[in-house]
């Protein structure tokens, strides 16, 4: 379907050709050029809008992945601590004649279980956060993507500082 401005322009071209001001070849070239430019003008904004919508979706997905990488492992960790506390009660431990051995056994089992729980939820956190970071970088123009990348970068810096401070 042609635009009204293109129809009036083609009428003007036809009038110029009829008056003899332009030749038939010039008329055909100008008419084809007007039709091509009209097609390009219509396609360009639609592609930009679709790309912006896709960046927005990807930015939101990255943001929600980042939140999932923070919230789900934290809930899992707290839940596992509650279970470990229940499992480490003195009633379930074998009775040892020496009280010190009993205390060391309870603490040792508690720490072993906690390390196991940390090993189980840490990969999920890394997977969520790395996926969110990559998606955030890809969808950088979106606000959600920028917030995601900055937040994950901040978390990584804090984790590195905490690691360096505990080692030193």
C-alpha atoms as a PDB file:
ATOM      1  CA  UNK A   1       0.000   0.000   0.000  1.00  0.00           C
ATOM      2  CA  UNK A   2       1.449   3.353  -1.006  1.00  0.00           C
ATOM      3  CA  UNK A   3       1.587   6.415   1.144  1.00  0.00           C
ATOM      4  CA  UNK A   4      -0.400   9.537   0.148  1.00  0.00           C
ATOM      5  CA  UNK A   5       2.812  11.554  -0.233  1.00  0.00           C
ATOM      6  CA  UNK A   6       4.214   8.949  -2.639  1.00  0.00           C
ATOM      7  CA  UNK A   7       1.048   9.068  -4.764  1.00  0.00           C
ATOM      8  CA  UNK A   8       1.190  12.851  -5.033  1.00  0.00           C
ATOM      9  CA  UNK A   9       4.901  12.693  -5.868  1.00  0.00           C
ATOM     10  CA  UNK A  10       4.246  10.142  -8.595  1.00  0.00           C
ATOM     11  CA  UNK A  11       1.471  12.366  -9.965  1.00  0.00           C
ATOM     12  CA  UNK A  12       3.916  15.274 -10.061  1.00  0.00           C
ATOM     13  CA  UNK A  13       6.471  13.097 -11.869  1.00  0.00           C
ATOM     14  CA  UNK A  14       3.818  12.036 -14.382  1.00  0.00           C
ATOM     15  CA  UNK A  15       2.875  15.673 -14.935  1.00  0.00           C
ATOM     16  CA  UNK A  16       6.541  16.609 -15.528  1.00  0.00           C
ATOM     17  CA  UNK A  17       6.893  13.770 -18.012  1.00  0.00           C
ATOM     18  CA  UNK A  18       3.703  14.780 -19.838  1.00  0.00           C
ATOM     19  CA  UNK A  19       4.940  18.381 -20.061  1.00  0.00           C
ATOM     20  CA  UNK A  20       8.209  17.123 -21.547  1.00  0.00           C
ATOM     21  CA  UNK A  21      10.403  18.426 -18.750  1.00  0.00           C
ATOM     22  CA  UNK A  22      11.782  14.904 -18.019  1.00  0.00           C
ATOM     23  CA  UNK A  23      12.217  11.901 -20.305  1.00  0.00           C
ATOM     24  CA  UNK A  24      10.565   8.479 -19.928  1.00  0.00           C
ATOM     25  CA  UNK A  25      13.822   6.948 -18.628  1.00  0.00           C
ATOM     26  CA  UNK A  26      14.238   9.660 -15.995  1.00  0.00           C
ATOM     27  CA  UNK A  27      10.612   9.195 -14.971  1.00  0.00           C
ATOM     28  CA  UNK A  28      11.122   5.429 -14.447  1.00  0.00           C
ATOM     29  CA  UNK A  29      14.346   5.942 -12.484  1.00  0.00           C
ATOM     30  CA  UNK A  30      12.832   8.570 -10.189  1.00  0.00           C
ATOM     31  CA  UNK A  31       9.706   6.488  -9.636  1.00  0.00           C
ATOM     32  CA  UNK A  32      11.740   3.362  -8.747  1.00  0.00           C
ATOM     33  CA  UNK A  33      13.953   5.405  -6.405  1.00  0.00           C
ATOM     34  CA  UNK A  34      10.882   6.789  -4.602  1.00  0.00           C
ATOM     35  CA  UNK A  35       9.421   3.300  -4.136  1.00  0.00           C
ATOM     36  CA  UNK A  36      12.716   1.904  -2.797  1.00  0.00           C
ATOM     37  CA  UNK A  37      13.122   4.759  -0.324  1.00  0.00           C
ATOM     38  CA  UNK A  38       9.536   4.308   0.862  1.00  0.00           C
ATOM     39  CA  UNK A  39      10.203   0.598   1.549  1.00  0.00           C
ATOM     40  CA  UNK A  40      13.405   1.374   3.477  1.00  0.00           C
ATOM     41  CA  UNK A  41      11.718   4.052   5.594  1.00  0.00           C
ATOM     42  CA  UNK A  42       8.972   1.660   6.656  1.00  0.00           C
ATOM     43  CA  UNK A  43      11.291  -1.245   7.597  1.00  0.00           C
ATOM     44  CA  UNK A  44      13.928   0.649   9.573  1.00  0.00           C
ATOM     45  CA  UNK A  45      11.889   1.857  12.594  1.00  0.00           C
ATOM     46  CA  UNK A  46      10.147  -1.501  13.042  1.00  0.00           C
ATOM     47  CA  UNK A  47      13.469  -3.314  13.306  1.00  0.00           C
ATOM     48  CA  UNK A  48      14.708  -0.842  15.921  1.00  0.00           C
ATOM     49  CA  UNK A  49      11.562  -1.228  18.004  1.00  0.00           C
ATOM     50  CA  UNK A  50      11.798  -5.026  17.916  1.00  0.00           C
ATOM     51  CA  UNK A  51      15.455  -4.907  18.910  1.00  0.00           C
ATOM     52  CA  UNK A  52      14.677  -2.576  21.833  1.00  0.00           C
ATOM     53  CA  UNK A  53      11.891  -4.896  23.008  1.00  0.00           C
ATOM     54  CA  UNK A  54      14.200  -7.896  22.823  1.00  0.00           C
ATOM     55  CA  UNK A  55      16.906  -6.041  24.806  1.00  0.00           C
ATOM     56  CA  UNK A  56      14.309  -5.110  27.413  1.00  0.00           C
ATOM     57  CA  UNK A  57      13.171  -8.732  27.760  1.00  0.00           C
ATOM     58  CA  UNK A  58      16.736  -9.974  28.011  1.00  0.00           C
ATOM     59  CA  UNK A  59      17.525  -7.294  30.610  1.00  0.00           C
ATOM     60  CA  UNK A  60      14.582  -8.367  32.761  1.00  0.00           C
ATOM     61  CA  UNK A  61      15.534 -12.034  32.442  1.00  0.00           C
ATOM     62  CA  UNK A  62      19.081 -11.182  33.529  1.00  0.00           C
ATOM     63  CA  UNK A  63      17.751  -9.225  36.512  1.00  0.00           C
ATOM     64  CA  UNK A  64      15.503 -12.072  37.640  1.00  0.00           C
ATOM     65  CA  UNK A  65      18.315 -14.596  37.198  1.00  0.00           C
ATOM     66  CA  UNK A  66      20.515 -12.440  39.390  1.00  0.00           C
ATOM     67  CA  UNK A  67      17.825 -12.316  42.081  1.00  0.00           C
ATOM     68  CA  UNK A  68      17.333 -16.077  41.818  1.00  0.00           C
ATOM     69  CA  UNK A  69      21.081 -16.578  42.194  1.00  0.00           C
ATOM     70  CA  UNK A  70      21.009 -14.579  45.415  1.00  0.00           C
ATOM     71  CA  UNK A  71      17.697 -15.592  46.984  1.00  0.00           C
ATOM     72  CA  UNK A  72      17.377 -19.321  46.257  1.00  0.00           C
ATOM     73  CA  UNK A  73      20.838 -20.362  47.490  1.00  0.00           C
ATOM     74  CA  UNK A  74      20.459 -18.132  50.562  1.00  0.00           C
ATOM     75  CA  UNK A  75      17.125 -19.767  51.415  1.00  0.00           C
ATOM     76  CA  UNK A  76      18.658 -23.177  50.774  1.00  0.00           C
ATOM     77  CA  UNK A  77      21.605 -22.347  53.036  1.00  0.00           C
ATOM     78  CA  UNK A  78      19.412 -21.129  55.907  1.00  0.00           C
ATOM     79  CA  UNK A  79      17.157 -24.147  55.531  1.00  0.00           C
ATOM     80  CA  UNK A  80      20.152 -26.486  55.591  1.00  0.00           C
ATOM     81  CA  UNK A  81      21.536 -24.766  58.702  1.00  0.00           C
ATOM     82  CA  UNK A  82      18.255 -25.363  60.477  1.00  0.00           C
ATOM     83  CA  UNK A  83      18.373 -29.029  59.485  1.00  0.00           C
ATOM     84  CA  UNK A  84      22.011 -29.331  60.572  1.00  0.00           C
ATOM     85  CA  UNK A  85      21.213 -27.779  63.946  1.00  0.00           C
ATOM     86  CA  UNK A  86      18.499 -30.357  64.477  1.00  0.00           C
ATOM     87  CA  UNK A  87      20.768 -33.178  63.384  1.00  0.00           C
ATOM     88  CA  UNK A  88      23.601 -32.018  65.669  1.00  0.00           C
ATOM     89  CA  UNK A  89      21.557 -32.228  68.861  1.00  0.00           C
ATOM     90  CA  UNK A  90      23.176 -34.199  71.710  1.00  0.00           C
ATOM     91  CA  UNK A  91      20.250 -36.632  71.850  1.00  0.00           C
ATOM     92  CA  UNK A  92      21.124 -38.131  68.484  1.00  0.00           C
ATOM     93  CA  UNK A  93      24.857 -38.339  69.067  1.00  0.00           C
ATOM     94  CA  UNK A  94      26.382 -41.493  70.514  1.00  0.00           C
ATOM     95  CA  UNK A  95      27.268 -41.197  74.184  1.00  0.00           C
ATOM     96  CA  UNK A  96      31.003 -40.925  74.661  1.00  0.00           C
ATOM     97  CA  UNK A  97      32.534 -41.426  78.127  1.00  0.00           C
ATOM     98  CA  UNK A  98      34.654 -38.285  77.919  1.00  0.00           C
ATOM     99  CA  UNK A  99      32.656 -35.041  77.619  1.00  0.00           C
ATOM    100  CA  UNK A 100      35.355 -33.303  75.555  1.00  0.00           C
ATOM    101  CA  UNK A 101      35.297 -36.007  72.890  1.00  0.00           C
ATOM    102  CA  UNK A 102      31.547 -35.664  72.651  1.00  0.00           C
ATOM    103  CA  UNK A 103      31.806 -31.892  72.105  1.00  0.00           C
ATOM    104  CA  UNK A 104      34.512 -32.322  69.463  1.00  0.00           C
ATOM    105  CA  UNK A 105      32.443 -34.971  67.672  1.00  0.00           C
ATOM    106  CA  UNK A 106      29.367 -32.735  67.556  1.00  0.00           C
ATOM    107  CA  UNK A 107      31.322 -29.726  66.257  1.00  0.00           C
ATOM    108  CA  UNK A 108      33.193 -31.814  63.694  1.00  0.00           C
ATOM    109  CA  UNK A 109      30.013 -33.327  62.276  1.00  0.00           C
ATOM    110  CA  UNK A 110      28.350 -29.925  62.203  1.00  0.00           C
ATOM    111  CA  UNK A 111      31.218 -28.365  60.230  1.00  0.00           C
ATOM    112  CA  UNK A 112      31.406 -31.288  57.820  1.00  0.00           C
ATOM    113  CA  UNK A 113      27.700 -31.019  57.085  1.00  0.00           C
ATOM    114  CA  UNK A 114      27.942 -27.269  56.633  1.00  0.00           C
ATOM    115  CA  UNK A 115      30.798 -27.638  54.161  1.00  0.00           C
ATOM    116  CA  UNK A 116      28.761 -30.172  52.250  1.00  0.00           C
ATOM    117  CA  UNK A 117      25.784 -27.806  52.070  1.00  0.00           C
ATOM    118  CA  UNK A 118      28.034 -24.967  50.911  1.00  0.00           C
ATOM    119  CA  UNK A 119      29.459 -27.199  48.191  1.00  0.00           C
ATOM    120  CA  UNK A 120      25.966 -28.081  47.044  1.00  0.00           C
ATOM    121  CA  UNK A 121      24.544 -24.575  46.688  1.00  0.00           C
ATOM    122  CA  UNK A 122      27.658 -22.682  45.522  1.00  0.00           C
ATOM    123  CA  UNK A 123      27.532 -24.059  41.935  1.00  0.00           C
ATOM    124  CA  UNK A 124      23.908 -22.963  41.613  1.00  0.00           C
ATOM    125  CA  UNK A 125      24.836 -19.465  42.684  1.00  0.00           C
ATOM    126  CA  UNK A 126      27.699 -19.334  40.195  1.00  0.00           C
ATOM    127  CA  UNK A 127      25.572 -20.655  37.332  1.00  0.00           C
ATOM    128  CA  UNK A 128      22.770 -18.146  37.981  1.00  0.00           C
ATOM    129  CA  UNK A 129      25.109 -15.206  38.440  1.00  0.00           C
ATOM    130  CA  UNK A 130      27.317 -15.944  35.412  1.00  0.00           C
ATOM    131  CA  UNK A 131      24.250 -16.403  33.186  1.00  0.00           C
ATOM    132  CA  UNK A 132      22.747 -13.169  34.519  1.00  0.00           C
ATOM    133  CA  UNK A 133      26.016 -11.275  33.988  1.00  0.00           C
ATOM    134  CA  UNK A 134      26.359 -12.456  30.382  1.00  0.00           C
ATOM    135  CA  UNK A 135      22.738 -11.606  29.584  1.00  0.00           C
ATOM    136  CA  UNK A 136      23.150  -8.224  31.255  1.00  0.00           C
ATOM    137  CA  UNK A 137      26.181  -7.409  29.124  1.00  0.00           C
ATOM    138  CA  UNK A 138      24.339  -8.456  25.963  1.00  0.00           C
ATOM    139  CA  UNK A 139      21.300  -6.312  26.846  1.00  0.00           C
ATOM    140  CA  UNK A 140      23.389  -3.404  28.187  1.00  0.00           C
ATOM    141  CA  UNK A 141      21.160  -0.519  26.905  1.00  0.00           C
ATOM    142  CA  UNK A 142      18.343  -1.692  29.189  1.00  0.00           C
ATOM    143  CA  UNK A 143      18.157  -0.361  32.755  1.00  0.00           C
ATOM    144  CA  UNK A 144      17.562  -3.825  34.260  1.00  0.00           C
ATOM    145  CA  UNK A 145      20.658  -5.117  32.477  1.00  0.00           C
ATOM    146  CA  UNK A 146      22.800  -2.267  33.805  1.00  0.00           C
ATOM    147  CA  UNK A 147      21.571  -2.830  37.357  1.00  0.00           C
ATOM    148  CA  UNK A 148      22.287  -6.554  37.000  1.00  0.00           C
ATOM    149  CA  UNK A 149      25.839  -6.094  35.731  1.00  0.00           C
ATOM    150  CA  UNK A 150      26.694  -3.480  38.346  1.00  0.00           C
ATOM    151  CA  UNK A 151      25.210  -5.541  41.194  1.00  0.00           C
ATOM    152  CA  UNK A 152      26.982  -8.743  40.179  1.00  0.00           C
ATOM    153  CA  UNK A 153      30.249  -6.849  39.796  1.00  0.00           C
ATOM    154  CA  UNK A 154      29.772  -5.424  43.298  1.00  0.00           C
ATOM    155  CA  UNK A 155      29.071  -8.901  44.712  1.00  0.00           C
ATOM    156  CA  UNK A 156      32.192 -10.303  43.047  1.00  0.00           C
ATOM    157  CA  UNK A 157      34.349  -7.489  44.419  1.00  0.00           C
ATOM    158  CA  UNK A 158      32.950  -8.053  47.922  1.00  0.00           C
ATOM    159  CA  UNK A 159      33.533 -11.799  47.648  1.00  0.00           C
ATOM    160  CA  UNK A 160      37.127 -11.257  46.517  1.00  0.00           C
ATOM    161  CA  UNK A 161      37.777  -8.784  49.323  1.00  0.00           C
ATOM    162  CA  UNK A 162      36.265 -11.161  51.862  1.00  0.00           C
ATOM    163  CA  UNK A 163      38.401 -13.991  50.478  1.00  0.00           C
ATOM    164  CA  UNK A 164      41.564 -11.905  50.622  1.00  0.00           C
ATOM    165  CA  UNK A 165      40.826 -10.725  54.157  1.00  0.00           C
ATOM    166  CA  UNK A 166      40.146 -14.227  55.450  1.00  0.00           C
ATOM    167  CA  UNK A 167      43.325 -15.623  53.873  1.00  0.00           C
ATOM    168  CA  UNK A 168      45.539 -12.824  55.164  1.00  0.00           C
END
